[in-house]
């Protein structure tokens, strides 16, 4: 059997790249933002922080907050035909109005 080479961020050079205007110091507001249960959020990864990052397939998806697990949020998304629960750090979430 062949072993798989690479980790969870392999082949993400263009997907997890920041725009030139977004580069630099990360705002503390992104770390401390809060969401309510049932609120809709967009999964937008912060490539400078690997902690609490989701799998690359879910980048750009929209989900709803189901609860908290420590400092992270439990986000329910729909992947093809299944509902999946992701544990995501708030720096990788963006609120939808």
N, C-alpha and C. Protein backbone atom coordinates (compact mmCIF):
# COMPACT_ATOMS: atom_id res chain seq x y z
N UNK A 1 0.83 -1.18 0.00
CA UNK A 1 0.00 0.00 0.00
C UNK A 1 0.89 1.25 0.00
N UNK A 2 0.48 2.25 -0.73
CA UNK A 2 1.25 3.47 -0.86
C UNK A 2 0.84 4.44 0.25
N UNK A 3 1.84 5.06 0.89
CA UNK A 3 1.53 6.04 1.92
C UNK A 3 1.31 7.41 1.30
N UNK A 4 0.40 8.16 1.90
CA UNK A 4 0.06 9.48 1.38
C UNK A 4 1.12 10.48 1.81
N UNK A 5 1.57 11.29 0.89
CA UNK A 5 2.60 12.28 1.17
C UNK A 5 1.94 13.65 1.34
N UNK A 6 2.33 14.34 2.39
CA UNK A 6 1.83 15.69 2.60
C UNK A 6 0.81 15.74 3.73
N UNK A 7 0.51 16.93 4.15
CA UNK A 7 -0.42 17.14 5.24
C UNK A 7 -1.75 17.71 4.76
N UNK A 8 -2.45 18.37 5.68
CA UNK A 8 -3.78 18.88 5.37
C UNK A 8 -3.74 20.14 4.52
N UNK A 9 -2.57 20.82 4.44
CA UNK A 9 -2.47 22.05 3.66
C UNK A 9 -1.78 21.85 2.33
N UNK A 10 -1.60 20.65 1.86
CA UNK A 10 -0.92 20.42 0.59
C UNK A 10 -1.79 20.90 -0.56
N UNK A 11 -1.15 21.43 -1.58
CA UNK A 11 -1.80 21.96 -2.79
C UNK A 11 -2.71 23.15 -2.47
N UNK A 12 -2.30 24.00 -1.53
CA UNK A 12 -3.12 25.17 -1.18
C UNK A 12 -2.37 26.47 -1.41
N UNK A 13 -1.38 26.46 -2.26
CA UNK A 13 -0.56 27.66 -2.45
C UNK A 13 -1.40 28.84 -2.94
N UNK A 14 -2.30 28.63 -3.87
CA UNK A 14 -3.10 29.75 -4.37
C UNK A 14 -4.38 29.93 -3.57
N UNK A 15 -4.92 28.87 -3.03
CA UNK A 15 -6.19 28.96 -2.32
C UNK A 15 -6.06 29.73 -1.00
N UNK A 16 -4.97 29.50 -0.28
CA UNK A 16 -4.79 30.14 1.03
C UNK A 16 -3.85 31.34 0.97
N UNK A 17 -3.76 31.99 -0.17
CA UNK A 17 -2.89 33.15 -0.31
C UNK A 17 -3.66 34.42 0.04
N UNK A 18 -2.98 35.35 0.69
CA UNK A 18 -3.60 36.63 1.02
C UNK A 18 -3.44 37.60 -0.13
N UNK A 19 -4.35 38.55 -0.22
CA UNK A 19 -4.23 39.64 -1.15
C UNK A 19 -3.12 40.57 -0.66
N UNK A 20 -2.51 41.33 -1.55
CA UNK A 20 -1.41 42.21 -1.18
C UNK A 20 -1.85 43.23 -0.14
N UNK A 21 -3.07 43.74 -0.24
CA UNK A 21 -3.55 44.75 0.69
C UNK A 21 -3.94 44.17 2.04
N UNK A 22 -4.09 42.86 2.14
CA UNK A 22 -4.47 42.23 3.41
C UNK A 22 -3.26 41.76 4.20
N UNK A 23 -2.07 41.82 3.61
CA UNK A 23 -0.88 41.33 4.29
C UNK A 23 -0.49 42.26 5.43
N UNK A 24 0.20 41.70 6.41
CA UNK A 24 0.67 42.50 7.54
C UNK A 24 0.14 41.97 8.85
N UNK A 25 0.11 42.83 9.83
CA UNK A 25 -0.29 42.45 11.17
C UNK A 25 -1.77 42.10 11.21
N UNK A 26 -2.11 41.06 11.96
CA UNK A 26 -3.50 40.62 12.09
C UNK A 26 -4.16 41.43 13.20
N UNK A 27 -5.36 41.91 12.96
CA UNK A 27 -6.08 42.71 13.93
C UNK A 27 -6.54 41.84 15.10
N UNK A 28 -6.50 42.40 16.29
CA UNK A 28 -6.94 41.68 17.49
C UNK A 28 -8.46 41.49 17.48
N UNK A 29 -9.17 42.29 16.70
CA UNK A 29 -10.63 42.16 16.61
C UNK A 29 -11.04 40.83 15.99
N UNK A 30 -10.21 40.32 15.09
CA UNK A 30 -10.51 39.02 14.47
C UNK A 30 -10.45 37.89 15.48
N UNK A 31 -9.51 37.99 16.44
CA UNK A 31 -9.40 36.96 17.48
C UNK A 31 -10.57 37.03 18.46
N UNK A 32 -11.01 38.22 18.77
CA UNK A 32 -11.99 38.42 19.83
C UNK A 32 -13.43 38.54 19.34
N UNK A 33 -13.69 38.36 18.05
CA UNK A 33 -15.05 38.51 17.56
C UNK A 33 -15.94 37.38 18.10
N UNK A 34 -17.20 37.71 18.36
CA UNK A 34 -18.13 36.74 18.92
C UNK A 34 -19.31 36.55 17.97
N UNK A 35 -19.87 35.36 18.02
CA UNK A 35 -21.03 35.02 17.19
C UNK A 35 -22.09 34.39 18.08
N UNK A 36 -23.35 34.54 17.70
CA UNK A 36 -24.45 33.94 18.44
C UNK A 36 -24.82 32.62 17.79
N UNK A 37 -25.46 31.76 18.56
CA UNK A 37 -25.91 30.47 18.03
C UNK A 37 -27.00 30.71 17.00
N UNK A 38 -26.87 30.07 15.84
CA UNK A 38 -27.81 30.25 14.75
C UNK A 38 -27.39 31.29 13.74
N UNK A 39 -26.33 32.03 14.03
CA UNK A 39 -25.85 33.07 13.10
C UNK A 39 -25.11 32.42 11.93
N UNK A 40 -25.25 33.01 10.75
CA UNK A 40 -24.59 32.47 9.56
C UNK A 40 -23.22 33.11 9.41
N UNK A 41 -22.25 32.27 9.07
CA UNK A 41 -20.87 32.73 8.91
C UNK A 41 -20.28 32.13 7.65
N UNK A 42 -19.25 32.80 7.14
CA UNK A 42 -18.51 32.32 5.98
C UNK A 42 -17.15 31.83 6.46
N UNK A 43 -16.71 30.70 5.94
CA UNK A 43 -15.40 30.16 6.29
C UNK A 43 -14.35 30.81 5.39
N UNK A 44 -13.56 31.68 5.99
CA UNK A 44 -12.50 32.38 5.26
C UNK A 44 -11.22 32.22 6.07
N UNK A 45 -10.30 31.40 5.59
CA UNK A 45 -9.11 31.04 6.35
C UNK A 45 -8.13 32.20 6.45
N UNK A 46 -7.51 32.31 7.61
CA UNK A 46 -6.40 33.23 7.84
C UNK A 46 -5.13 32.39 7.74
N UNK A 47 -4.38 32.48 6.62
CA UNK A 47 -3.26 31.57 6.39
C UNK A 47 -2.10 31.74 7.36
N UNK A 48 -2.01 32.88 8.05
CA UNK A 48 -0.92 33.08 8.98
C UNK A 48 -1.13 32.32 10.29
N UNK A 49 -2.36 31.87 10.55
CA UNK A 49 -2.67 31.15 11.78
C UNK A 49 -3.18 29.77 11.40
N UNK A 50 -2.45 28.72 11.82
CA UNK A 50 -2.86 27.37 11.47
C UNK A 50 -3.76 26.75 12.53
N UNK A 51 -3.77 27.30 13.73
CA UNK A 51 -4.55 26.73 14.82
C UNK A 51 -6.04 26.89 14.55
N UNK A 52 -6.80 25.83 14.68
CA UNK A 52 -8.25 25.89 14.51
C UNK A 52 -8.69 26.05 13.08
N UNK A 53 -7.82 25.70 12.12
CA UNK A 53 -8.18 25.83 10.71
C UNK A 53 -8.90 24.56 10.24
N UNK A 54 -9.85 24.72 9.37
CA UNK A 54 -10.63 23.62 8.82
C UNK A 54 -9.91 23.00 7.62
N UNK A 55 -10.47 21.96 7.05
CA UNK A 55 -9.91 21.30 5.88
C UNK A 55 -10.11 22.19 4.66
N UNK A 56 -9.18 22.14 3.71
CA UNK A 56 -9.17 23.08 2.59
C UNK A 56 -10.38 22.97 1.68
N UNK A 57 -11.09 21.85 1.69
CA UNK A 57 -12.26 21.67 0.83
C UNK A 57 -13.40 22.61 1.23
N UNK A 58 -13.44 23.02 2.51
CA UNK A 58 -14.55 23.82 3.01
C UNK A 58 -14.29 25.32 2.90
N UNK A 59 -13.22 25.74 2.23
CA UNK A 59 -12.87 27.15 2.12
C UNK A 59 -13.92 27.88 1.28
N UNK A 60 -14.49 28.94 1.84
CA UNK A 60 -15.50 29.73 1.14
C UNK A 60 -16.92 29.27 1.37
N UNK A 61 -17.15 28.21 2.11
CA UNK A 61 -18.50 27.72 2.36
C UNK A 61 -19.18 28.57 3.43
N UNK A 62 -20.50 28.49 3.45
CA UNK A 62 -21.30 29.22 4.42
C UNK A 62 -21.98 28.21 5.33
N UNK A 63 -21.93 28.49 6.64
CA UNK A 63 -22.54 27.60 7.61
C UNK A 63 -23.20 28.38 8.73
N UNK A 64 -23.75 27.64 9.70
CA UNK A 64 -24.41 28.25 10.84
C UNK A 64 -23.71 27.81 12.12
N UNK A 65 -23.68 28.70 13.10
CA UNK A 65 -23.05 28.42 14.39
C UNK A 65 -24.00 27.54 15.20
N UNK A 66 -23.47 26.41 15.70
CA UNK A 66 -24.27 25.48 16.50
C UNK A 66 -23.90 25.51 17.97
N UNK A 67 -22.69 25.97 18.30
CA UNK A 67 -22.28 26.03 19.69
C UNK A 67 -20.82 26.40 19.79
N UNK A 68 -20.27 26.23 21.02
CA UNK A 68 -18.87 26.53 21.25
C UNK A 68 -18.18 25.30 21.80
N UNK A 69 -16.89 25.20 21.53
CA UNK A 69 -16.05 24.15 22.08
C UNK A 69 -14.74 24.82 22.47
N UNK A 70 -14.63 25.20 23.74
CA UNK A 70 -13.48 25.97 24.19
C UNK A 70 -13.57 27.38 23.63
N UNK A 71 -12.50 27.83 22.97
CA UNK A 71 -12.52 29.16 22.34
C UNK A 71 -13.03 29.10 20.91
N UNK A 72 -13.22 27.89 20.37
CA UNK A 72 -13.63 27.72 18.98
C UNK A 72 -15.14 27.56 18.88
N UNK A 73 -15.63 27.70 17.66
CA UNK A 73 -17.06 27.57 17.38
C UNK A 73 -17.32 26.28 16.60
N UNK A 74 -18.47 25.68 16.85
CA UNK A 74 -18.92 24.53 16.08
C UNK A 74 -19.80 25.06 14.95
N UNK A 75 -19.37 24.83 13.72
CA UNK A 75 -20.07 25.36 12.54
C UNK A 75 -20.63 24.18 11.75
N UNK A 76 -21.93 24.23 11.47
CA UNK A 76 -22.59 23.19 10.68
C UNK A 76 -22.65 23.66 9.23
N UNK A 77 -22.04 22.87 8.32
CA UNK A 77 -22.08 23.20 6.89
C UNK A 77 -22.71 22.04 6.14
N UNK A 78 -23.09 22.32 4.91
CA UNK A 78 -23.64 21.27 4.05
C UNK A 78 -22.61 20.97 2.98
N UNK A 79 -22.12 19.73 2.97
CA UNK A 79 -21.12 19.28 2.01
C UNK A 79 -21.77 18.25 1.10
N UNK A 80 -22.09 18.65 -0.11
CA UNK A 80 -22.82 17.87 -1.11
C UNK A 80 -24.18 17.48 -0.55
N UNK A 81 -24.33 16.30 0.06
CA UNK A 81 -25.64 15.91 0.60
C UNK A 81 -25.63 15.70 2.10
N UNK A 82 -24.48 15.88 2.73
CA UNK A 82 -24.37 15.61 4.16
C UNK A 82 -24.14 16.90 4.94
N UNK A 83 -24.64 16.93 6.15
CA UNK A 83 -24.34 18.02 7.07
C UNK A 83 -23.12 17.63 7.88
N UNK A 84 -22.15 18.54 7.98
CA UNK A 84 -20.92 18.26 8.69
C UNK A 84 -20.68 19.33 9.75
N UNK A 85 -20.14 18.91 10.88
CA UNK A 85 -19.86 19.81 11.99
C UNK A 85 -18.36 20.05 12.06
N UNK A 86 -17.96 21.31 11.93
CA UNK A 86 -16.56 21.69 11.97
C UNK A 86 -16.29 22.49 13.24
N UNK A 87 -15.10 22.31 13.81
CA UNK A 87 -14.67 23.10 14.96
C UNK A 87 -13.66 24.10 14.42
N UNK A 88 -14.03 25.39 14.45
CA UNK A 88 -13.24 26.43 13.78
C UNK A 88 -12.95 27.56 14.75
N UNK A 89 -11.71 28.05 14.70
CA UNK A 89 -11.32 29.21 15.51
C UNK A 89 -11.96 30.46 14.91
N UNK A 90 -12.34 31.45 15.74
CA UNK A 90 -13.04 32.63 15.21
C UNK A 90 -12.23 33.48 14.24
N UNK A 91 -10.90 33.32 14.21
CA UNK A 91 -10.10 34.11 13.26
C UNK A 91 -10.37 33.65 11.83
N UNK A 92 -10.87 32.44 11.64
CA UNK A 92 -11.16 31.90 10.31
C UNK A 92 -12.62 32.09 9.90
N UNK A 93 -13.38 32.86 10.67
CA UNK A 93 -14.80 33.06 10.38
C UNK A 93 -15.06 34.52 10.03
N UNK A 94 -16.06 34.73 9.18
CA UNK A 94 -16.47 36.07 8.79
C UNK A 94 -17.99 36.10 8.84
N UNK A 95 -18.54 37.08 9.55
CA UNK A 95 -19.98 37.20 9.69
C UNK A 95 -20.66 37.66 8.42
N UNK A 96 -21.88 37.16 8.21
CA UNK A 96 -22.69 37.53 7.04
C UNK A 96 -23.85 38.35 7.54
N UNK A 97 -24.12 39.48 6.88
CA UNK A 97 -25.24 40.32 7.30
C UNK A 97 -26.47 40.06 6.49
